[in-house]
PDB file of N, CA and C in Angstrom:
ATOM      1  N   MET A   1       1.117  -1.114  -0.168  1.00  0.00           N
ATOM      2  CA  MET A   1       0.157  -0.295   0.186  1.00  0.00           C
ATOM      3  C   MET A   1       1.102   1.266  -0.037  1.00  0.00           C
ATOM      4  N   LYS A   2       1.283   1.680  -1.397  1.00  0.00           N
ATOM      5  CA  LYS A   2       2.052   2.819  -1.227  1.00  0.00           C
ATOM      6  C   LYS A   2       1.325   4.186  -1.464  1.00  0.00           C
ATOM      7  N   SER A   3       1.781   4.899  -1.005  1.00  0.00           N
ATOM      8  CA  SER A   3       1.434   6.914  -0.770  1.00  0.00           C
ATOM      9  C   SER A   3       1.506   7.006  -2.329  1.00  0.00           C
ATOM     10  N   PHE A   4       0.508   8.003  -2.628  1.00  0.00           N
ATOM     11  CA  PHE A   4       0.623   8.765  -4.189  1.00  0.00           C
ATOM     12  C   PHE A   4       2.288   9.110  -4.355  1.00  0.00           C
ATOM     13  N   GLY A   5       2.999   9.587  -3.167  1.00  0.00           N
ATOM     14  CA  GLY A   5       4.077  10.345  -3.359  1.00  0.00           C
ATOM     15  C   GLY A   5       4.749   9.559  -3.509  1.00  0.00           C
ATOM     16  N   GLU A   6       5.249   8.112  -2.921  1.00  0.00           N
ATOM     17  CA  GLU A   6       5.531   6.765  -2.882  1.00  0.00           C
ATOM     18  C   GLU A   6       5.897   6.379  -4.522  1.00  0.00           C
ATOM     19  N   ILE A   7       4.212   6.414  -4.853  1.00  0.00           N
ATOM     20  CA  ILE A   7       4.539   6.110  -6.217  1.00  0.00           C
ATOM     21  C   ILE A   7       4.854   6.700  -7.504  1.00  0.00           C
ATOM     22  N   ILE A   8       4.558   8.066  -7.647  1.00  0.00           N
ATOM     23  CA  ILE A   8       5.196   9.260  -8.639  1.00  0.00           C
ATOM     24  C   ILE A   8       6.854   9.261  -8.150  1.00  0.00           C
ATOM     25  N   LYS A   9       7.000   9.057  -6.836  1.00  0.00           N
ATOM     26  CA  LYS A   9       8.912   9.375  -6.908  1.00  0.00           C
ATOM     27  C   LYS A   9       9.122   7.924  -7.422  1.00  0.00           C
ATOM     28  N   GLU A  10       9.018   7.229  -7.357  1.00  0.00           N
ATOM     29  CA  GLU A  10       9.541   5.466  -7.705  1.00  0.00           C
ATOM     30  C   GLU A  10       9.507   5.876  -9.659  1.00  0.00           C
ATOM     31  N   ALA A  11       8.346   6.179 -10.103  1.00  0.00           N
ATOM     32  CA  ALA A  11       7.995   6.364 -11.351  1.00  0.00           C
ATOM     33  C   ALA A  11       9.019   7.534 -11.730  1.00  0.00           C
ATOM     34  N   ARG A  12       9.197   8.555 -11.299  1.00  0.00           N
ATOM     35  CA  ARG A  12      10.559   9.323 -11.667  1.00  0.00           C
ATOM     36  C   ARG A  12      11.495   9.039 -11.601  1.00  0.00           C
ATOM     37  N   GLU A  13      11.942   8.245 -10.363  1.00  0.00           N
ATOM     38  CA  GLU A  13      13.319   7.862 -10.341  1.00  0.00           C
ATOM     39  C   GLU A  13      13.723   6.755 -11.829  1.00  0.00           C
ATOM     40  N   SER A  14      12.525   5.714 -11.736  1.00  0.00           N
ATOM     41  CA  SER A  14      12.821   4.651 -12.662  1.00  0.00           C
ATOM     42  C   SER A  14      13.153   5.137 -13.811  1.00  0.00           C
ATOM     43  N   ARG A  15      12.759   6.439 -14.196  1.00  0.00           N
ATOM     44  CA  ARG A  15      12.873   6.943 -15.646  1.00  0.00           C
ATOM     45  C   ARG A  15      14.360   7.821 -15.594  1.00  0.00           C
ATOM     46  N   GLY A  16      14.705   8.028 -14.219  1.00  0.00           N
ATOM     47  CA  GLY A  16      15.612   8.835 -14.294  1.00  0.00           C
ATOM     48  C   GLY A  16      15.865  10.273 -14.360  1.00  0.00           C
ATOM     49  N   LEU A  17      14.490  10.801 -13.750  1.00  0.00           N
ATOM     50  CA  LEU A  17      14.225  11.983 -14.297  1.00  0.00           C
ATOM     51  C   LEU A  17      14.548  13.099 -13.040  1.00  0.00           C
ATOM     52  N   PHE A  18      15.070  14.109 -13.124  1.00  0.00           N
ATOM     53  CA  PHE A  18      15.165  14.645 -12.031  1.00  0.00           C
ATOM     54  C   PHE A  18      13.924  15.197 -11.431  1.00  0.00           C
ATOM     55  N   LEU A  19      14.089  16.042 -10.542  1.00  0.00           N
ATOM     56  CA  LEU A  19      12.529  17.100  -9.847  1.00  0.00           C
ATOM     57  C   LEU A  19      12.394  18.272 -10.935  1.00  0.00           C
ATOM     58  N   ARG A  20      13.405  18.471 -11.253  1.00  0.00           N
ATOM     59  CA  ARG A  20      13.248  19.915 -12.314  1.00  0.00           C
ATOM     60  C   ARG A  20      12.504  19.671 -13.637  1.00  0.00           C
ATOM     61  N   GLN A  21      12.735  18.063 -14.013  1.00  0.00           N
ATOM     62  CA  GLN A  21      12.382  17.894 -15.195  1.00  0.00           C
ATOM     63  C   GLN A  21      10.930  17.701 -15.599  1.00  0.00           C
ATOM     64  N   VAL A  22      10.520  17.318 -13.754  1.00  0.00           N
ATOM     65  CA  VAL A  22       9.080  17.017 -13.671  1.00  0.00           C
ATOM     66  C   VAL A  22       8.547  17.950 -13.443  1.00  0.00           C
ATOM     67  N   ALA A  23       8.900  18.976 -12.556  1.00  0.00           N
ATOM     68  CA  ALA A  23       8.255  20.303 -12.576  1.00  0.00           C
ATOM     69  C   ALA A  23       8.185  21.040 -13.933  1.00  0.00           C
ATOM     70  N   ALA A  24       8.750  21.329 -14.767  1.00  0.00           N
ATOM     71  CA  ALA A  24       8.626  21.833 -15.795  1.00  0.00           C
ATOM     72  C   ALA A  24       8.247  21.129 -17.141  1.00  0.00           C
ATOM     73  N   GLU A  25       7.304  20.124 -16.738  1.00  0.00           N
ATOM     74  CA  GLU A  25       6.507  19.303 -17.786  1.00  0.00           C
ATOM     75  C   GLU A  25       5.253  19.729 -17.265  1.00  0.00           C
ATOM     76  N   PHE A  26       5.316  19.949 -15.880  1.00  0.00           N
ATOM     77  CA  PHE A  26       3.740  20.379 -15.175  1.00  0.00           C
ATOM     78  C   PHE A  26       3.851  21.988 -15.105  1.00  0.00           C
ATOM     79  N   ASN A  27       4.520  22.430 -15.228  1.00  0.00           N
ATOM     80  CA  ASN A  27       4.889  24.066 -15.245  1.00  0.00           C
ATOM     81  C   ASN A  27       4.387  24.246 -13.509  1.00  0.00           C
ATOM     82  N   ILE A  28       5.328  23.716 -12.817  1.00  0.00           N
ATOM     83  CA  ILE A  28       5.284  23.942 -11.281  1.00  0.00           C
ATOM     84  C   ILE A  28       6.357  24.131 -10.700  1.00  0.00           C
ATOM     85  N   ASP A  29       6.719  24.381  -9.702  1.00  0.00           N
ATOM     86  CA  ASP A  29       7.853  24.630  -8.921  1.00  0.00           C
ATOM     87  C   ASP A  29       8.498  23.538  -8.418  1.00  0.00           C
ATOM     88  N   GLN A  30       9.582  22.781  -8.533  1.00  0.00           N
ATOM     89  CA  GLN A  30      10.303  21.472  -8.285  1.00  0.00           C
ATOM     90  C   GLN A  30       9.952  21.190  -6.552  1.00  0.00           C
ATOM     91  N   ALA A  31       9.748  22.186  -6.062  1.00  0.00           N
ATOM     92  CA  ALA A  31       9.809  22.226  -4.465  1.00  0.00           C
ATOM     93  C   ALA A  31       8.276  21.575  -4.074  1.00  0.00           C
ATOM     94  N   ILE A  32       7.381  21.805  -5.090  1.00  0.00           N
ATOM     95  CA  ILE A  32       5.664  21.190  -4.753  1.00  0.00           C
ATOM     96  C   ILE A  32       6.004  19.763  -5.652  1.00  0.00           C
ATOM     97  N   ILE A  33       6.626  19.517  -6.363  1.00  0.00           N
ATOM     98  CA  ILE A  33       7.045  18.389  -6.977  1.00  0.00           C
ATOM     99  C   ILE A  33       7.447  17.573  -5.631  1.00  0.00           C
ATOM    100  N   SER A  34       8.071  17.956  -5.071  1.00  0.00           N
ATOM    101  CA  SER A  34       8.886  17.516  -3.653  1.00  0.00           C
ATOM    102  C   SER A  34       7.910  17.066  -2.742  1.00  0.00           C
ATOM    103  N   LYS A  35       7.393  18.173  -2.554  1.00  0.00           N
ATOM    104  CA  LYS A  35       6.428  17.835  -1.202  1.00  0.00           C
ATOM    105  C   LYS A  35       5.288  16.848  -1.872  1.00  0.00           C
ATOM    106  N   PHE A  36       4.938  17.122  -3.047  1.00  0.00           N
ATOM    107  CA  PHE A  36       3.855  15.335  -3.201  1.00  0.00           C
ATOM    108  C   PHE A  36       4.532  14.324  -2.862  1.00  0.00           C
ATOM    109  N   GLU A  37       5.495  14.150  -3.527  1.00  0.00           N
ATOM    110  CA  GLU A  37       6.241  12.936  -3.381  1.00  0.00           C
ATOM    111  C   GLU A  37       6.950  12.478  -1.716  1.00  0.00           C
ATOM    112  N   TYR A  38       6.684  13.446  -0.821  1.00  0.00           N
ATOM    113  CA  TYR A  38       6.828  12.745   0.318  1.00  0.00           C
ATOM    114  C   TYR A  38       6.186  13.099   1.452  1.00  0.00           C
ATOM    115  N   GLY A  39       4.791  14.069   0.800  1.00  0.00           N
ATOM    116  CA  GLY A  39       3.435  14.268   1.447  1.00  0.00           C
ATOM    117  C   GLY A  39       3.284  15.028   1.846  1.00  0.00           C
ATOM    118  N   GLY A  40       4.062  16.174   1.849  1.00  0.00           N
ATOM    119  CA  GLY A  40       3.883  17.597   2.581  1.00  0.00           C
ATOM    120  C   GLY A  40       2.561  18.487   1.591  1.00  0.00           C
ATOM    121  N   ARG A  41       2.389  17.973   0.699  1.00  0.00           N
ATOM    122  CA  ARG A  41       1.333  18.791   0.172  1.00  0.00           C
ATOM    123  C   ARG A  41       0.692  17.820  -1.054  1.00  0.00           C
ATOM    124  N   LYS A  42      -0.462  18.129  -1.079  1.00  0.00           N
ATOM    125  CA  LYS A  42      -1.424  17.482  -2.062  1.00  0.00           C
ATOM    126  C   LYS A  42      -1.895  17.777  -2.810  1.00  0.00           C
ATOM    127  N   PRO A  43      -1.754  17.300  -4.157  1.00  0.00           N
ATOM    128  CA  PRO A  43      -2.461  17.417  -5.401  1.00  0.00           C
ATOM    129  C   PRO A  43      -3.621  17.229  -5.891  1.00  0.00           C
ATOM    130  N   SER A  44      -3.951  18.350  -6.407  1.00  0.00           N
ATOM    131  CA  SER A  44      -5.610  18.300  -6.876  1.00  0.00           C
ATOM    132  C   SER A  44      -5.707  16.991  -7.971  1.00  0.00           C
ATOM    133  N   LYS A  45      -6.826  16.679  -7.857  1.00  0.00           N
ATOM    134  CA  LYS A  45      -6.974  15.533  -8.549  1.00  0.00           C
ATOM    135  C   LYS A  45      -6.811  15.484 -10.099  1.00  0.00           C
ATOM    136  N   GLU A  46      -7.102  16.847 -10.523  1.00  0.00           N
ATOM    137  CA  GLU A  46      -6.710  17.011 -12.492  1.00  0.00           C
ATOM    138  C   GLU A  46      -4.901  16.410 -12.327  1.00  0.00           C
ATOM    139  N   GLN A  47      -4.137  16.998 -10.727  1.00  0.00           N
ATOM    140  CA  GLN A  47      -2.838  16.998 -11.176  1.00  0.00           C
ATOM    141  C   GLN A  47      -2.065  15.477 -11.142  1.00  0.00           C
ATOM    142  N   VAL A  48      -3.366  14.645 -10.550  1.00  0.00           N
ATOM    143  CA  VAL A  48      -3.282  13.605 -10.074  1.00  0.00           C
ATOM    144  C   VAL A  48      -3.370  12.572 -11.846  1.00  0.00           C
ATOM    145  N   LEU A  49      -4.330  13.023 -12.188  1.00  0.00           N
ATOM    146  CA  LEU A  49      -4.708  12.449 -13.554  1.00  0.00           C
ATOM    147  C   LEU A  49      -3.493  12.984 -14.512  1.00  0.00           C
ATOM    148  N   SER A  50      -2.750  13.996 -14.445  1.00  0.00           N
ATOM    149  CA  SER A  50      -1.943  14.710 -15.211  1.00  0.00           C
ATOM    150  C   SER A  50      -0.618  13.429 -14.877  1.00  0.00           C
ATOM    151  N   PHE A  51      -0.478  13.365 -13.528  1.00  0.00           N
ATOM    152  CA  PHE A  51       0.775  12.288 -13.508  1.00  0.00           C
ATOM    153  C   PHE A  51       0.695  11.303 -13.437  1.00  0.00           C
ATOM    154  N   ALA A  52      -0.628  10.626 -13.990  1.00  0.00           N
ATOM    155  CA  ALA A  52      -0.825   9.008 -14.333  1.00  0.00           C
ATOM    156  C   ALA A  52      -0.358   8.888 -15.667  1.00  0.00           C
ATOM    157  N   LYS A  53      -1.355  10.194 -16.615  1.00  0.00           N
ATOM    158  CA  LYS A  53      -0.996  10.197 -17.927  1.00  0.00           C
ATOM    159  C   LYS A  53       0.774  10.196 -18.188  1.00  0.00           C
ATOM    160  N   PHE A  54       1.405  11.316 -17.465  1.00  0.00           N
ATOM    161  CA  PHE A  54       2.766  11.369 -18.011  1.00  0.00           C
ATOM    162  C   PHE A  54       3.742  10.118 -17.695  1.00  0.00           C
ATOM    163  N   PHE A  55       3.243   9.726 -16.560  1.00  0.00           N
ATOM    164  CA  PHE A  55       4.121   8.339 -15.949  1.00  0.00           C
ATOM    165  C   PHE A  55       3.554   7.163 -16.468  1.00  0.00           C
ATOM    166  N   LYS A  56       2.558   7.453 -17.701  1.00  0.00           N
ATOM    167  CA  LYS A  56       1.958   5.714 -17.866  1.00  0.00           C
ATOM    168  C   LYS A  56       1.678   4.800 -16.925  1.00  0.00           C
ATOM    169  N   LEU A  57       0.954   5.638 -15.515  1.00  0.00           N
ATOM    170  CA  LEU A  57       0.616   4.540 -14.574  1.00  0.00           C
ATOM    171  C   LEU A  57      -0.702   4.579 -14.819  1.00  0.00           C
ATOM    172  N   ASP A  58      -1.143   3.239 -13.959  1.00  0.00           N
ATOM    173  CA  ASP A  58      -2.522   2.986 -13.697  1.00  0.00           C
ATOM    174  C   ASP A  58      -3.106   3.942 -13.047  1.00  0.00           C
ATOM    175  N   THR A  59      -4.721   4.826 -13.703  1.00  0.00           N
ATOM    176  CA  THR A  59      -4.847   5.936 -13.424  1.00  0.00           C
ATOM    177  C   THR A  59      -5.812   5.426 -11.983  1.00  0.00           C
ATOM    178  N   GLU A  60      -6.669   4.481 -11.963  1.00  0.00           N
ATOM    179  CA  GLU A  60      -7.065   3.885 -10.632  1.00  0.00           C
ATOM    180  C   GLU A  60      -6.270   3.832  -9.825  1.00  0.00           C
ATOM    181  N   GLU A  61      -5.201   3.422  -9.725  1.00  0.00           N
ATOM    182  CA  GLU A  61      -4.546   2.838  -8.897  1.00  0.00           C
ATOM    183  C   GLU A  61      -3.735   4.212  -8.218  1.00  0.00           C
ATOM    184  N   LEU A  62      -3.685   5.096  -8.766  1.00  0.00           N
ATOM    185  CA  LEU A  62      -3.194   6.386  -8.386  1.00  0.00           C
ATOM    186  C   LEU A  62      -4.134   7.039  -7.674  1.00  0.00           C
ATOM    187  N   LEU A  63      -5.215   6.817  -8.506  1.00  0.00           N
ATOM    188  CA  LEU A  63      -6.624   7.737  -7.629  1.00  0.00           C
ATOM    189  C   LEU A  63      -6.806   6.678  -6.487  1.00  0.00           C
ATOM    190  N   VAL A  64      -6.766   5.722  -6.239  1.00  0.00           N
ATOM    191  CA  VAL A  64      -6.969   5.129  -4.934  1.00  0.00           C
ATOM    192  C   VAL A  64      -5.813   5.703  -3.863  1.00  0.00           C
ATOM    193  N   ALA A  65      -4.472   5.709  -4.681  1.00  0.00           N
ATOM    194  CA  ALA A  65      -3.626   6.137  -3.469  1.00  0.00           C
ATOM    195  C   ALA A  65      -3.801   7.609  -3.063  1.00  0.00           C
ATOM    196  N   TRP A  66      -4.613   8.497  -4.210  1.00  0.00           N
ATOM    197  CA  TRP A  66      -4.270   9.931  -3.270  1.00  0.00           C
ATOM    198  C   TRP A  66      -5.373   9.701  -2.975  1.00  0.00           C
ATOM    199  N   LEU A  67      -6.519   9.359  -3.112  1.00  0.00           N
ATOM    200  CA  LEU A  67      -7.732   9.195  -2.076  1.00  0.00           C
ATOM    201  C   LEU A  67      -7.349   8.683  -0.917  1.00  0.00           C
ATOM    202  N   SER A  68      -6.661   7.881  -0.803  1.00  0.00           N
ATOM    203  CA  SER A  68      -6.480   6.998   0.366  1.00  0.00           C
ATOM    204  C   SER A  68      -5.292   8.011   1.703  1.00  0.00           C
ATOM    205  N   ASP A  69      -4.608   8.694   0.823  1.00  0.00           N
ATOM    206  CA  ASP A  69      -3.903   9.684   1.570  1.00  0.00           C
ATOM    207  C   ASP A  69      -4.703  10.700   2.374  1.00  0.00           C
ATOM    208  N   LYS A  70      -5.565  11.467   1.366  1.00  0.00           N
ATOM    209  CA  LYS A  70      -6.506  11.997   1.739  1.00  0.00           C
ATOM    210  C   LYS A  70      -7.231  11.877   3.398  1.00  0.00           C
ATOM    211  N   VAL A  71      -7.805  10.510   2.894  1.00  0.00           N
ATOM    212  CA  VAL A  71      -8.577  10.163   4.369  1.00  0.00           C
ATOM    213  C   VAL A  71      -7.929  10.136   5.348  1.00  0.00           C
ATOM    214  N   ILE A  72      -6.634   9.661   5.348  1.00  0.00           N
ATOM    215  CA  ILE A  72      -5.380   9.089   6.266  1.00  0.00           C
ATOM    216  C   ILE A  72      -5.063  10.639   6.647  1.00  0.00           C
ATOM    217  N   TYR A  73      -5.075  11.358   6.004  1.00  0.00           N
ATOM    218  CA  TYR A  73      -4.342  12.604   6.337  1.00  0.00           C
ATOM    219  C   TYR A  73      -5.413  13.230   7.726  1.00  0.00           C
ATOM    220  N   ASP A  74      -7.059  13.005   7.337  1.00  0.00           N
ATOM    221  CA  ASP A  74      -7.586  13.688   8.098  1.00  0.00           C
ATOM    222  C   ASP A  74      -8.319  12.790   9.626  1.00  0.00           C
ATOM    223  N   LEU A  75      -7.875  11.636   8.940  1.00  0.00           N
ATOM    224  CA  LEU A  75      -8.602  10.668  10.267  1.00  0.00           C
ATOM    225  C   LEU A  75      -7.154  10.296  11.197  1.00  0.00           C
ATOM    226  N   LYS A  76      -6.320  10.572  10.776  1.00  0.00           N
ATOM    227  CA  LYS A  76      -5.272   9.716  11.666  1.00  0.00           C
ATOM    228  C   LYS A  76      -5.169   9.720  12.904  1.00  0.00           C
ATOM    229  N   ASP A  77      -5.610  11.111  13.474  1.00  0.00           N
ATOM    230  CA  ASP A  77      -5.652  11.482  14.774  1.00  0.00           C
ATOM    231  C   ASP A  77      -7.045  11.034  15.780  1.00  0.00           C
ATOM    232  N   GLU A  78      -7.930  10.312  15.102  1.00  0.00           N
ATOM    233  CA  GLU A  78      -8.933  10.294  15.242  1.00  0.00           C
ATOM    234  C   GLU A  78      -9.406   8.790  16.043  1.00  0.00           C
ATOM    235  N   MET A  79      -9.390   8.609  17.237  1.00  0.00           N
ATOM    236  CA  MET A  79      -9.904   7.506  17.872  1.00  0.00           C
ATOM    237  C   MET A  79     -10.990   6.567  17.358  1.00  0.00           C
ATOM    238  N   LEU A  80     -11.667   7.343  17.135  1.00  0.00           N
ATOM    239  CA  LEU A  80     -13.294   6.941  16.032  1.00  0.00           C
ATOM    240  C   LEU A  80     -12.896   6.401  14.521  1.00  0.00           C
ATOM    241  N   ALA A  81     -11.951   6.657  13.881  1.00  0.00           N
ATOM    242  CA  ALA A  81     -11.566   6.841  12.531  1.00  0.00           C
ATOM    243  C   ALA A  81     -11.987   5.332  11.969  1.00  0.00           C
ATOM    244  N   ASP A  82     -11.827   4.161  12.179  1.00  0.00           N
ATOM    245  CA  ASP A  82     -12.220   2.977  11.867  1.00  0.00           C
ATOM    246  C   ASP A  82     -13.576   2.822  11.726  1.00  0.00           C
ATOM    247  N   LYS A  83     -14.461   3.058  12.976  1.00  0.00           N
ATOM    248  CA  LYS A  83     -15.935   3.371  12.751  1.00  0.00           C
ATOM    249  C   LYS A  83     -16.223   4.139  12.321  1.00  0.00           C
ATOM    250  N   ALA A  84     -15.686   5.524  11.567  1.00  0.00           N
ATOM    251  CA  ALA A  84     -16.509   6.198  10.623  1.00  0.00           C
ATOM    252  C   ALA A  84     -16.421   6.050   9.489  1.00  0.00           C
ATOM    253  N   LEU A  85     -15.193   5.145   9.133  1.00  0.00           N
ATOM    254  CA  LEU A  85     -14.591   4.672   7.605  1.00  0.00           C
ATOM    255  C   LEU A  85     -16.147   3.859   7.624  1.00  0.00           C
ATOM    256  N   LYS A  86     -16.536   2.740   8.375  1.00  0.00           N
ATOM    257  CA  LYS A  86     -17.203   1.932   8.049  1.00  0.00           C
ATOM    258  C   LYS A  86     -18.962   2.409   7.707  1.00  0.00           C
ATOM    259  N   VAL A  87     -19.106   3.527   8.686  1.00  0.00           N
ATOM    260  CA  VAL A  87     -20.249   4.186   8.356  1.00  0.00           C
ATOM    261  C   VAL A  87     -20.135   5.103   7.159  1.00  0.00           C
ATOM    262  N   ALA A  88     -19.094   5.475   6.658  1.00  0.00           N
ATOM    263  CA  ALA A  88     -19.379   5.972   5.715  1.00  0.00           C
ATOM    264  C   ALA A  88     -19.097   5.392   4.404  1.00  0.00           C
ATOM    265  N   GLU A  89     -18.670   3.853   4.354  1.00  0.00           N
ATOM    266  CA  GLU A  89     -18.533   3.044   3.449  1.00  0.00           C
ATOM    267  C   GLU A  89     -20.234   2.818   2.954  1.00  0.00           C
ATOM    268  N   GLN A  90     -20.977   2.427   4.037  1.00  0.00           N
ATOM    269  CA  GLN A  90     -22.477   2.346   3.964  1.00  0.00           C
ATOM    270  C   GLN A  90     -23.244   3.003   3.611  1.00  0.00           C
ATOM    271  N   LYS A  91     -22.352   4.272   3.916  1.00  0.00           N
ATOM    272  CA  LYS A  91     -23.692   5.892   3.363  1.00  0.00           C
ATOM    273  C   LYS A  91     -22.986   5.708   1.957  1.00  0.00           C
ATOM    274  N   ILE A  92     -22.157   5.621   1.445  1.00  0.00           N
ATOM    275  CA  ILE A  92     -21.491   5.258   0.315  1.00  0.00           C
ATOM    276  C   ILE A  92     -22.596   4.387  -0.663  1.00  0.00           C
ATOM    277  N   GLN A  93     -22.665   3.395  -0.337  1.00  0.00           N
ATOM    278  CA  GLN A  93     -23.493   2.173  -0.963  1.00  0.00           C
ATOM    279  C   GLN A  93     -24.847   2.517  -0.699  1.00  0.00           C
ATOM    280  N   TYR A  94     -25.490   2.997   0.006  1.00  0.00           N
ATOM    281  CA  TYR A  94     -26.692   3.563   0.057  1.00  0.00           C
ATOM    282  C   TYR A  94     -26.952   4.694  -0.592  1.00  0.00           C
ATOM    283  N   ARG A  95     -26.360   5.932  -1.169  1.00  0.00           N
ATOM    284  CA  ARG A  95     -26.317   6.833  -1.824  1.00  0.00           C
ATOM    285  C   ARG A  95     -26.267   6.358  -3.349  1.00  0.00           C
ATOM    286  N   ARG A  96     -25.332   5.316  -3.507  1.00  0.00           N
ATOM    287  CA  ARG A  96     -25.258   4.849  -4.903  1.00  0.00           C
ATOM    288  C   ARG A  96     -26.615   4.062  -5.567  1.00  0.00           C
ATOM    289  N   LYS A  97     -27.167   3.480  -3.997  1.00  0.00           N
ATOM    290  CA  LYS A  97     -28.483   3.026  -4.805  1.00  0.00           C
ATOM    291  C   LYS A  97     -29.228   3.688  -4.841  1.00  0.00           C
ATOM    292  N   LEU A  98     -29.578   4.834  -4.312  1.00  0.00           N
ATOM    293  CA  LEU A  98     -30.367   5.959  -4.489  1.00  0.00           C
ATOM    294  C   LEU A  98     -30.355   6.538  -6.242  1.00  0.00           C
ATOM    295  N   ASN A  99     -28.924   6.537  -6.409  1.00  0.00           N
ATOM    296  CA  ASN A  99     -28.754   6.859  -7.714  1.00  0.00           C
ATOM    297  C   ASN A  99     -29.215   5.877  -8.875  1.00  0.00           C
TER     298      ASN A  99
END
């Protein structure tokens, strides 16, 4: 279970790219790419999709890693996080049935 940052860092390094090269491709500062890689900043969904396309990564896998990172960030210090996640899953299933 790799984080979004771990996945893109591995993809970047396996291609022999420097942060500055990836930053130039996305037209953003290399410090931001670095923060994405170590989890200090969260990219937008559009940026996640762009990373998937640029690195030719599985879009679903990268989106799941990104979404799970967001959930962990919000709930990591909550004692009732496990229960809340179970209830949230039930709510998602219920709302999908309504649509």
